[in-house]
Amino acid sequence: MAKYFDAHVTAVCNTKNVELMRSLGADAVIDYLQEDFTEKSETYDIIFDTVGMLAFRRCRGPLKPGGMYAVTDSGSVGVIPHIGGSPCLEYCWPHLPHLPGG
């Protein structure tokens, strides 16, 4: 969906899924078995954890000021806006104005 809105997408996956992520349109792919994206200097507007394996505290460094950490867990979606270093749990759609319904 992010590619539809012309976002630059960086996918994080294991080695066996790198080519799949590229074929799905990721602009960059990070193999988490080779490197930890949370230790790189690149920062992101949104980190969307689709498997629920990353703690928010690990993602604070790579989030841009005002960025959001979104996580799915058993089908529910929540967003933690990174505002002044103090996360606030909210629901996804009201905080993504670029998406239909937001």
PDB file of N, CA and C in Angstrom:
ATOM      1  N   MET A   1       0.823  -1.176   0.000  1.00  0.00           N
ATOM      2  CA  MET A   1       0.000   0.000   0.000  1.00  0.00           C
ATOM      3  C   MET A   1       0.879   1.256   0.000  1.00  0.00           C
ATOM      4  N   ALA A   2       1.989   1.217   0.700  1.00  0.00           N
ATOM      5  CA  ALA A   2       2.866   2.388   0.778  1.00  0.00           C
ATOM      6  C   ALA A   2       3.401   2.776  -0.600  1.00  0.00           C
ATOM      7  N   LYS A   3       3.692   1.801  -1.429  1.00  0.00           N
ATOM      8  CA  LYS A   3       4.203   2.092  -2.773  1.00  0.00           C
ATOM      9  C   LYS A   3       3.153   2.822  -3.603  1.00  0.00           C
ATOM     10  N   TYR A   4       1.891   2.534  -3.386  1.00  0.00           N
ATOM     11  CA  TYR A   4       0.809   3.214  -4.099  1.00  0.00           C
ATOM     12  C   TYR A   4       0.870   4.722  -3.844  1.00  0.00           C
ATOM     13  N   PHE A   5       1.289   5.096  -2.635  1.00  0.00           N
ATOM     14  CA  PHE A   5       1.390   6.499  -2.252  1.00  0.00           C
ATOM     15  C   PHE A   5       2.797   7.051  -2.455  1.00  0.00           C
ATOM     16  N   ASP A   6       3.586   6.381  -3.312  1.00  0.00           N
ATOM     17  CA  ASP A   6       4.941   6.808  -3.684  1.00  0.00           C
ATOM     18  C   ASP A   6       5.908   6.888  -2.510  1.00  0.00           C
ATOM     19  N   ALA A   7       5.705   6.070  -1.505  1.00  0.00           N
ATOM     20  CA  ALA A   7       6.633   6.036  -0.374  1.00  0.00           C
ATOM     21  C   ALA A   7       7.865   5.221  -0.750  1.00  0.00           C
ATOM     22  N   HIS A   8       8.994   5.585  -0.166  1.00  0.00           N
ATOM     23  CA  HIS A   8      10.199   4.770  -0.275  1.00  0.00           C
ATOM     24  C   HIS A   8      10.060   3.672   0.773  1.00  0.00           C
ATOM     25  N   VAL A   9      10.114   2.421   0.337  1.00  0.00           N
ATOM     26  CA  VAL A   9       9.879   1.291   1.236  1.00  0.00           C
ATOM     27  C   VAL A   9      11.167   0.500   1.451  1.00  0.00           C
ATOM     28  N   THR A  10      11.518   0.322   2.717  1.00  0.00           N
ATOM     29  CA  THR A  10      12.615  -0.553   3.100  1.00  0.00           C
ATOM     30  C   THR A  10      12.003  -1.746   3.815  1.00  0.00           C
ATOM     31  N   ALA A  11      12.230  -2.938   3.281  1.00  0.00           N
ATOM     32  CA  ALA A  11      11.712  -4.170   3.889  1.00  0.00           C
ATOM     33  C   ALA A  11      12.816  -4.816   4.716  1.00  0.00           C
ATOM     34  N   VAL A  12      12.427  -5.406   5.837  1.00  0.00           N
ATOM     35  CA  VAL A  12      13.360  -6.154   6.674  1.00  0.00           C
ATOM     36  C   VAL A  12      12.831  -7.587   6.727  1.00  0.00           C
ATOM     37  N   CYS A  13      13.675  -8.536   6.331  1.00  0.00           N
ATOM     38  CA  CYS A  13      13.261  -9.933   6.278  1.00  0.00           C
ATOM     39  C   CYS A  13      14.488 -10.828   6.409  1.00  0.00           C
ATOM     40  N   ASN A  14      14.258 -12.146   6.421  1.00  0.00           N
ATOM     41  CA  ASN A  14      15.397 -13.055   6.459  1.00  0.00           C
ATOM     42  C   ASN A  14      15.884 -13.329   5.035  1.00  0.00           C
ATOM     43  N   THR A  15      17.014 -14.003   4.932  1.00  0.00           N
ATOM     44  CA  THR A  15      17.690 -14.224   3.658  1.00  0.00           C
ATOM     45  C   THR A  15      16.779 -14.844   2.609  1.00  0.00           C
ATOM     46  N   LYS A  16      15.979 -15.827   2.992  1.00  0.00           N
ATOM     47  CA  LYS A  16      15.157 -16.531   2.001  1.00  0.00           C
ATOM     48  C   LYS A  16      14.060 -15.657   1.399  1.00  0.00           C
ATOM     49  N   ASN A  17      13.735 -14.520   2.026  1.00  0.00           N
ATOM     50  CA  ASN A  17      12.662 -13.662   1.510  1.00  0.00           C
ATOM     51  C   ASN A  17      13.149 -12.372   0.851  1.00  0.00           C
ATOM     52  N   VAL A  18      14.448 -12.183   0.730  1.00  0.00           N
ATOM     53  CA  VAL A  18      14.985 -10.945   0.147  1.00  0.00           C
ATOM     54  C   VAL A  18      14.463 -10.720  -1.267  1.00  0.00           C
ATOM     55  N   GLU A  19      14.550 -11.716  -2.107  1.00  0.00           N
ATOM     56  CA  GLU A  19      14.091 -11.556  -3.494  1.00  0.00           C
ATOM     57  C   GLU A  19      12.582 -11.359  -3.571  1.00  0.00           C
ATOM     58  N   LEU A  20      11.842 -12.019  -2.696  1.00  0.00           N
ATOM     59  CA  LEU A  20      10.393 -11.823  -2.652  1.00  0.00           C
ATOM     60  C   LEU A  20      10.066 -10.367  -2.343  1.00  0.00           C
ATOM     61  N   MET A  21      10.736  -9.787  -1.347  1.00  0.00           N
ATOM     62  CA  MET A  21      10.488  -8.389  -0.983  1.00  0.00           C
ATOM     63  C   MET A  21      10.809  -7.457  -2.152  1.00  0.00           C
ATOM     64  N   ARG A  22      11.880  -7.733  -2.859  1.00  0.00           N
ATOM     65  CA  ARG A  22      12.207  -6.923  -4.044  1.00  0.00           C
ATOM     66  C   ARG A  22      11.125  -7.063  -5.108  1.00  0.00           C
ATOM     67  N   SER A  23      10.653  -8.292  -5.321  1.00  0.00           N
ATOM     68  CA  SER A  23       9.629  -8.517  -6.339  1.00  0.00           C
ATOM     69  C   SER A  23       8.307  -7.848  -5.973  1.00  0.00           C
ATOM     70  N   LEU A  24       8.085  -7.635  -4.677  1.00  0.00           N
ATOM     71  CA  LEU A  24       6.869  -6.949  -4.225  1.00  0.00           C
ATOM     72  C   LEU A  24       7.006  -5.433  -4.266  1.00  0.00           C
ATOM     73  N   GLY A  25       8.210  -4.951  -4.641  1.00  0.00           N
ATOM     74  CA  GLY A  25       8.381  -3.518  -4.846  1.00  0.00           C
ATOM     75  C   GLY A  25       9.189  -2.770  -3.811  1.00  0.00           C
ATOM     76  N   ALA A  26       9.801  -3.464  -2.862  1.00  0.00           N
ATOM     77  CA  ALA A  26      10.617  -2.765  -1.866  1.00  0.00           C
ATOM     78  C   ALA A  26      11.777  -2.057  -2.555  1.00  0.00           C
ATOM     79  N   ASP A  27      12.014  -0.801  -2.181  1.00  0.00           N
ATOM     80  CA  ASP A  27      13.128  -0.027  -2.735  1.00  0.00           C
ATOM     81  C   ASP A  27      14.459  -0.493  -2.161  1.00  0.00           C
ATOM     82  N   ALA A  28      14.444  -0.932  -0.912  1.00  0.00           N
ATOM     83  CA  ALA A  28      15.639  -1.442  -0.245  1.00  0.00           C
ATOM     84  C   ALA A  28      15.214  -2.632   0.608  1.00  0.00           C
ATOM     85  N   VAL A  29      16.110  -3.585   0.775  1.00  0.00           N
ATOM     86  CA  VAL A  29      15.814  -4.758   1.586  1.00  0.00           C
ATOM     87  C   VAL A  29      16.978  -4.987   2.546  1.00  0.00           C
ATOM     88  N   ILE A  30      16.651  -5.178   3.816  1.00  0.00           N
ATOM     89  CA  ILE A  30      17.657  -5.470   4.835  1.00  0.00           C
ATOM     90  C   ILE A  30      17.419  -6.895   5.327  1.00  0.00           C
ATOM     91  N   ASP A  31      18.431  -7.725   5.220  1.00  0.00           N
ATOM     92  CA  ASP A  31      18.375  -9.096   5.713  1.00  0.00           C
ATOM     93  C   ASP A  31      18.736  -9.070   7.197  1.00  0.00           C
ATOM     94  N   TYR A  32      17.756  -9.328   8.057  1.00  0.00           N
ATOM     95  CA  TYR A  32      18.019  -9.215   9.494  1.00  0.00           C
ATOM     96  C   TYR A  32      18.985 -10.276  10.012  1.00  0.00           C
ATOM     97  N   LEU A  33      19.257 -11.308   9.223  1.00  0.00           N
ATOM     98  CA  LEU A  33      20.256 -12.297   9.625  1.00  0.00           C
ATOM     99  C   LEU A  33      21.673 -11.776   9.393  1.00  0.00           C
ATOM    100  N   GLN A  34      21.798 -10.737   8.559  1.00  0.00           N
ATOM    101  CA  GLN A  34      23.095 -10.156   8.235  1.00  0.00           C
ATOM    102  C   GLN A  34      23.359  -8.832   8.961  1.00  0.00           C
ATOM    103  N   GLU A  35      22.300  -8.050   9.196  1.00  0.00           N
ATOM    104  CA  GLU A  35      22.469  -6.750   9.848  1.00  0.00           C
ATOM    105  C   GLU A  35      21.203  -6.351  10.593  1.00  0.00           C
ATOM    106  N   ASP A  36      21.371  -5.520  11.596  1.00  0.00           N
ATOM    107  CA  ASP A  36      20.270  -5.050  12.430  1.00  0.00           C
ATOM    108  C   ASP A  36      19.913  -3.628  12.009  1.00  0.00           C
ATOM    109  N   PHE A  37      18.721  -3.461  11.423  1.00  0.00           N
ATOM    110  CA  PHE A  37      18.341  -2.134  10.934  1.00  0.00           C
ATOM    111  C   PHE A  37      18.270  -1.108  12.060  1.00  0.00           C
ATOM    112  N   THR A  38      18.066  -1.543  13.301  1.00  0.00           N
ATOM    113  CA  THR A  38      17.968  -0.596  14.409  1.00  0.00           C
ATOM    114  C   THR A  38      19.330  -0.018  14.781  1.00  0.00           C
ATOM    115  N   GLU A  39      20.404  -0.607  14.274  1.00  0.00           N
ATOM    116  CA  GLU A  39      21.747  -0.113  14.558  1.00  0.00           C
ATOM    117  C   GLU A  39      22.334   0.693  13.407  1.00  0.00           C
ATOM    118  N   LYS A  40      21.572   0.850  12.327  1.00  0.00           N
ATOM    119  CA  LYS A  40      22.031   1.632  11.183  1.00  0.00           C
ATOM    120  C   LYS A  40      21.723   3.110  11.431  1.00  0.00           C
ATOM    121  N   SER A  41      22.318   3.981  10.637  1.00  0.00           N
ATOM    122  CA  SER A  41      22.105   5.416  10.815  1.00  0.00           C
ATOM    123  C   SER A  41      20.853   5.925  10.098  1.00  0.00           C
ATOM    124  N   GLU A  42      20.260   5.117   9.232  1.00  0.00           N
ATOM    125  CA  GLU A  42      19.065   5.548   8.500  1.00  0.00           C
ATOM    126  C   GLU A  42      17.884   5.655   9.454  1.00  0.00           C
ATOM    127  N   THR A  43      17.039   6.668   9.202  1.00  0.00           N
ATOM    128  CA  THR A  43      15.837   6.842  10.016  1.00  0.00           C
ATOM    129  C   THR A  43      14.603   6.741   9.125  1.00  0.00           C
ATOM    130  N   TYR A  44      13.474   6.455   9.752  1.00  0.00           N
ATOM    131  CA  TYR A  44      12.240   6.157   9.024  1.00  0.00           C
ATOM    132  C   TYR A  44      11.070   6.954   9.581  1.00  0.00           C
ATOM    133  N   ASP A  45      10.135   7.314   8.700  1.00  0.00           N
ATOM    134  CA  ASP A  45       8.902   7.989   9.112  1.00  0.00           C
ATOM    135  C   ASP A  45       7.963   7.019   9.816  1.00  0.00           C
ATOM    136  N   ILE A  46       7.912   5.792   9.300  1.00  0.00           N
ATOM    137  CA  ILE A  46       7.034   4.765   9.870  1.00  0.00           C
ATOM    138  C   ILE A  46       7.805   3.450   9.925  1.00  0.00           C
ATOM    139  N   ILE A  47       7.725   2.773  11.048  1.00  0.00           N
ATOM    140  CA  ILE A  47       8.203   1.403  11.151  1.00  0.00           C
ATOM    141  C   ILE A  47       6.959   0.567  11.395  1.00  0.00           C
ATOM    142  N   PHE A  48       6.677  -0.332  10.462  1.00  0.00           N
ATOM    143  CA  PHE A  48       5.471  -1.159  10.519  1.00  0.00           C
ATOM    144  C   PHE A  48       5.897  -2.610  10.737  1.00  0.00           C
ATOM    145  N   ASP A  49       5.758  -3.078  11.958  1.00  0.00           N
ATOM    146  CA  ASP A  49       6.157  -4.425  12.335  1.00  0.00           C
ATOM    147  C   ASP A  49       4.991  -5.371  12.081  1.00  0.00           C
ATOM    148  N   THR A  50       5.093  -6.154  11.023  1.00  0.00           N
ATOM    149  CA  THR A  50       3.982  -7.033  10.633  1.00  0.00           C
ATOM    150  C   THR A  50       4.011  -8.389  11.329  1.00  0.00           C
ATOM    151  N   VAL A  51       5.053  -8.673  12.111  1.00  0.00           N
ATOM    152  CA  VAL A  51       5.109  -9.938  12.834  1.00  0.00           C
ATOM    153  C   VAL A  51       5.140  -9.760  14.347  1.00  0.00           C
ATOM    154  N   GLY A  52       5.194  -8.540  14.812  1.00  0.00           N
ATOM    155  CA  GLY A  52       5.141  -8.267  16.249  1.00  0.00           C
ATOM    156  C   GLY A  52       6.351  -8.734  17.029  1.00  0.00           C
ATOM    157  N   MET A  53       7.513  -8.731  16.399  1.00  0.00           N
ATOM    158  CA  MET A  53       8.724  -9.226  17.062  1.00  0.00           C
ATOM    159  C   MET A  53       9.636  -8.126  17.591  1.00  0.00           C
ATOM    160  N   LEU A  54       9.350  -6.871  17.271  1.00  0.00           N
ATOM    161  CA  LEU A  54      10.226  -5.773  17.698  1.00  0.00           C
ATOM    162  C   LEU A  54       9.588  -4.983  18.828  1.00  0.00           C
ATOM    163  N   ALA A  55      10.331  -4.785  19.877  1.00  0.00           N
ATOM    164  CA  ALA A  55       9.857  -3.922  20.958  1.00  0.00           C
ATOM    165  C   ALA A  55      10.007  -2.463  20.524  1.00  0.00           C
ATOM    166  N   PHE A  56       9.086  -1.630  20.938  1.00  0.00           N
ATOM    167  CA  PHE A  56       9.148  -0.214  20.579  1.00  0.00           C
ATOM    168  C   PHE A  56      10.480   0.406  20.987  1.00  0.00           C
ATOM    169  N   ARG A  57      11.003   0.035  22.147  1.00  0.00           N
ATOM    170  CA  ARG A  57      12.261   0.629  22.626  1.00  0.00           C
ATOM    171  C   ARG A  57      13.405   0.399  21.644  1.00  0.00           C
ATOM    172  N   ARG A  58      13.406  -0.721  20.910  1.00  0.00           N
ATOM    173  CA  ARG A  58      14.450  -0.975  19.911  1.00  0.00           C
ATOM    174  C   ARG A  58      14.269  -0.105  18.676  1.00  0.00           C
ATOM    175  N   CYS A  59      13.061   0.347  18.419  1.00  0.00           N
ATOM    176  CA  CYS A  59      12.767   1.100  17.202  1.00  0.00           C
ATOM    177  C   CYS A  59      12.803   2.610  17.395  1.00  0.00           C
ATOM    178  N   ARG A  60      12.992   3.072  18.600  1.00  0.00           N
ATOM    179  CA  ARG A  60      12.992   4.518  18.852  1.00  0.00           C
ATOM    180  C   ARG A  60      14.128   5.222  18.119  1.00  0.00           C
ATOM    181  N   GLY A  61      15.324   4.623  18.093  1.00  0.00           N
ATOM    182  CA  GLY A  61      16.473   5.231  17.429  1.00  0.00           C
ATOM    183  C   GLY A  61      16.269   5.454  15.943  1.00  0.00           C
ATOM    184  N   PRO A  62      15.786   4.453  15.210  1.00  0.00           N
ATOM    185  CA  PRO A  62      15.605   4.656  13.773  1.00  0.00           C
ATOM    186  C   PRO A  62      14.341   5.425  13.379  1.00  0.00           C
ATOM    187  N   LEU A  63      13.496   5.790  14.347  1.00  0.00           N
ATOM    188  CA  LEU A  63      12.306   6.584  14.018  1.00  0.00           C
ATOM    189  C   LEU A  63      12.666   8.062  13.921  1.00  0.00           C
ATOM    190  N   LYS A  64      12.195   8.707  12.860  1.00  0.00           N
ATOM    191  CA  LYS A  64      12.372  10.158  12.748  1.00  0.00           C
ATOM    192  C   LYS A  64      11.506  10.839  13.803  1.00  0.00           C
ATOM    193  N   PRO A  65      11.879  12.043  14.235  1.00  0.00           N
ATOM    194  CA  PRO A  65      10.998  12.788  15.153  1.00  0.00           C
ATOM    195  C   PRO A  65       9.606  12.918  14.531  1.00  0.00           C
ATOM    196  N   GLY A  66       8.591  12.593  15.292  1.00  0.00           N
ATOM    197  CA  GLY A  66       7.224  12.623  14.780  1.00  0.00           C
ATOM    198  C   GLY A  66       6.850  11.363  14.028  1.00  0.00           C
ATOM    199  N   GLY A  67       7.797  10.398  13.900  1.00  0.00           N
ATOM    200  CA  GLY A  67       7.529   9.148  13.204  1.00  0.00           C
ATOM    201  C   GLY A  67       6.622   8.239  14.015  1.00  0.00           C
ATOM    202  N   MET A  68       6.168   7.168  13.385  1.00  0.00           N
ATOM    203  CA  MET A  68       5.246   6.251  14.052  1.00  0.00           C
ATOM    204  C   MET A  68       5.736   4.818  13.961  1.00  0.00           C
ATOM    205  N   TYR A  69       5.536   4.092  15.049  1.00  0.00           N
ATOM    206  CA  TYR A  69       5.801   2.661  15.107  1.00  0.00           C
ATOM    207  C   TYR A  69       4.440   1.976  15.090  1.00  0.00           C
ATOM    208  N   ALA A  70       4.182   1.204  14.067  1.00  0.00           N
ATOM    209  CA  ALA A  70       2.914   0.484  13.945  1.00  0.00           C
ATOM    210  C   ALA A  70       3.192  -1.000  14.078  1.00  0.00           C
ATOM    211  N   VAL A  71       2.320  -1.694  14.774  1.00  0.00           N
ATOM    212  CA  VAL A  71       2.505  -3.129  14.979  1.00  0.00           C
ATOM    213  C   VAL A  71       1.179  -3.849  14.802  1.00  0.00           C
ATOM    214  N   THR A  72       1.239  -5.018  14.184  1.00  0.00           N
ATOM    215  CA  THR A  72       0.048  -5.862  14.084  1.00  0.00           C
ATOM    216  C   THR A  72       0.230  -7.008  15.063  1.00  0.00           C
ATOM    217  N   ASP A  73      -0.850  -7.399  15.676  1.00  0.00           N
ATOM    218  CA  ASP A  73      -0.814  -8.502  16.628  1.00  0.00           C
ATOM    219  C   ASP A  73      -2.180  -9.158  16.614  1.00  0.00           C
ATOM    220  N   SER A  74      -2.252 -10.360  16.108  1.00  0.00           N
ATOM    221  CA  SER A  74      -3.515 -11.105  16.016  1.00  0.00           C
ATOM    222  C   SER A  74      -4.581 -10.338  15.250  1.00  0.00           C
ATOM    223  N   GLY A  75      -4.185  -9.606  14.215  1.00  0.00           N
ATOM    224  CA  GLY A  75      -5.146  -8.925  13.371  1.00  0.00           C
ATOM    225  C   GLY A  75      -5.477  -7.507  13.787  1.00  0.00           C
ATOM    226  N   SER A  76      -5.084  -7.089  14.990  1.00  0.00           N
ATOM    227  CA  SER A  76      -5.348  -5.708  15.378  1.00  0.00           C
ATOM    228  C   SER A  76      -4.151  -4.844  15.017  1.00  0.00           C
ATOM    229  N   VAL A  77      -4.395  -3.585  14.761  1.00  0.00           N
ATOM    230  CA  VAL A  77      -3.316  -2.674  14.388  1.00  0.00           C
ATOM    231  C   VAL A  77      -3.293  -1.517  15.370  1.00  0.00           C
ATOM    232  N   GLY A  78      -2.110  -1.231  15.904  1.00  0.00           N
ATOM    233  CA  GLY A  78      -1.943  -0.090  16.795  1.00  0.00           C
ATOM    234  C   GLY A  78      -0.768   0.732  16.339  1.00  0.00           C
ATOM    235  N   VAL A  79      -0.782   2.012  16.670  1.00  0.00           N
ATOM    236  CA  VAL A  79       0.297   2.912  16.286  1.00  0.00           C
ATOM    237  C   VAL A  79       0.779   3.640  17.524  1.00  0.00           C
ATOM    238  N   ILE A  80       2.081   3.741  17.652  1.00  0.00           N
ATOM    239  CA  ILE A  80       2.668   4.525  18.728  1.00  0.00           C
ATOM    240  C   ILE A  80       3.367   5.718  18.088  1.00  0.00           C
ATOM    241  N   PRO A  81       2.774   6.909  18.155  1.00  0.00           N
ATOM    242  CA  PRO A  81       3.469   8.084  17.634  1.00  0.00           C
ATOM    243  C   PRO A  81       4.681   8.395  18.503  1.00  0.00           C
ATOM    244  N   HIS A  82       5.755   8.768  17.888  1.00  0.00           N
ATOM    245  CA  HIS A  82       6.988   9.108  18.610  1.00  0.00           C
ATOM    246  C   HIS A  82       7.014  10.618  18.777  1.00  0.00           C
ATOM    247  N   ILE A  83       6.403  11.085  19.854  1.00  0.00           N
ATOM    248  CA  ILE A  83       6.256  12.516  20.083  1.00  0.00           C
ATOM    249  C   ILE A  83       7.030  12.880  21.337  1.00  0.00           C
ATOM    250  N   GLY A  84       8.096  13.609  21.168  1.00  0.00           N
ATOM    251  CA  GLY A  84       8.897  14.041  22.310  1.00  0.00           C
ATOM    252  C   GLY A  84       9.421  12.892  23.148  1.00  0.00           C
ATOM    253  N   GLY A  85       9.634  11.737  22.516  1.00  0.00           N
ATOM    254  CA  GLY A  85      10.169  10.591  23.219  1.00  0.00           C
ATOM    255  C   GLY A  85       9.162   9.888  24.108  1.00  0.00           C
ATOM    256  N   SER A  86       7.902  10.326  24.097  1.00  0.00           N
ATOM    257  CA  SER A  86       6.889   9.721  24.939  1.00  0.00           C
ATOM    258  C   SER A  86       5.821   9.059  24.072  1.00  0.00           C
ATOM    259  N   PRO A  87       5.861   7.718  23.936  1.00  0.00           N
ATOM    260  CA  PRO A  87       4.894   7.045  23.072  1.00  0.00           C
ATOM    261  C   PRO A  87       3.492   7.097  23.647  1.00  0.00           C
ATOM    262  N   CYS A  88       2.536   7.101  22.743  1.00  0.00           N
ATOM    263  CA  CYS A  88       1.129   7.136  23.121  1.00  0.00           C
ATOM    264  C   CYS A  88       0.385   6.155  22.219  1.00  0.00           C
ATOM    265  N   LEU A  89      -0.178   5.088  22.786  1.00  0.00           N
ATOM    266  CA  LEU A  89      -0.833   4.069  21.977  1.00  0.00           C
ATOM    267  C   LEU A  89      -2.164   4.590  21.444  1.00  0.00           C
ATOM    268  N   GLU A  90      -2.328   4.482  20.147  1.00  0.00           N
ATOM    269  CA  GLU A  90      -3.555   4.911  19.481  1.00  0.00           C
ATOM    270  C   GLU A  90      -3.932   3.848  18.453  1.00  0.00           C
ATOM    271  N   TYR A  91      -5.017   4.054  17.723  1.00  0.00           N
ATOM    272  CA  TYR A  91      -5.372   3.165  16.628  1.00  0.00           C
ATOM    273  C   TYR A  91      -4.907   3.756  15.314  1.00  0.00           C
ATOM    274  N   CYS A  92      -4.682   2.898  14.354  1.00  0.00           N
ATOM    275  CA  CYS A  92      -3.970   3.257  13.132  1.00  0.00           C
ATOM    276  C   CYS A  92      -4.685   4.275  12.248  1.00  0.00           C
ATOM    277  N   TRP A  93      -5.899   4.034  11.818  1.00  0.00           N
ATOM    278  CA  TRP A  93      -6.519   4.868  10.788  1.00  0.00           C
ATOM    279  C   TRP A  93      -6.593   6.356  11.125  1.00  0.00           C
ATOM    280  N   PRO A  94      -6.942   6.758  12.339  1.00  0.00           N
ATOM    281  CA  PRO A  94      -7.013   8.199  12.600  1.00  0.00           C
ATOM    282  C   PRO A  94      -5.684   8.922  12.462  1.00  0.00           C
ATOM    283  N   HIS A  95      -4.566   8.190  12.492  1.00  0.00           N
ATOM    284  CA  HIS A  95      -3.253   8.816  12.491  1.00  0.00           C
ATOM    285  C   HIS A  95      -2.521   8.699  11.164  1.00  0.00           C
ATOM    286  N   LEU A  96      -3.170   8.180  10.156  1.00  0.00           N
ATOM    287  CA  LEU A  96      -2.554   8.073   8.836  1.00  0.00           C
ATOM    288  C   LEU A  96      -3.426   8.819   7.833  1.00  0.00           C
ATOM    289  N   PRO A  97      -3.331  10.154   7.804  1.00  0.00           N
ATOM    290  CA  PRO A  97      -4.237  10.956   6.978  1.00  0.00           C
ATOM    291  C   PRO A  97      -4.065  10.743   5.482  1.00  0.00           C
ATOM    292  N   HIS A  98      -2.959  10.152   5.042  1.00  0.00           N
ATOM    293  CA  HIS A  98      -2.754   9.944   3.619  1.00  0.00           C
ATOM    294  C   HIS A  98      -3.512   8.731   3.098  1.00  0.00           C
ATOM    295  N   LEU A  99      -4.090   7.946   3.987  1.00  0.00           N
ATOM    296  CA  LEU A  99      -4.792   6.748   3.578  1.00  0.00           C
ATOM    297  C   LEU A  99      -6.293   6.998   3.566  1.00  0.00           C
ATOM    298  N   PRO A 100      -7.019   6.312   2.699  1.00  0.00           N
ATOM    299  CA  PRO A 100      -8.491   6.471   2.698  1.00  0.00           C
ATOM    300  C   PRO A 100      -9.052   6.158   4.078  1.00  0.00           C
ATOM    301  N   GLY A 101      -9.944   6.979   4.543  1.00  0.00           N
ATOM    302  CA  GLY A 101     -10.551   6.780   5.841  1.00  0.00           C
ATOM    303  C   GLY A 101      -9.779   7.408   6.983  1.00  0.00           C
ATOM    304  N   GLY A 102      -8.606   8.020   6.676  1.00  0.00           N
ATOM    305  CA  GLY A 102      -7.778   8.581   7.743  1.00  0.00           C
ATOM    306  C   GLY A 102      -7.964  10.052   7.867  1.00  0.00           C
TER     307      GLY A 102
END
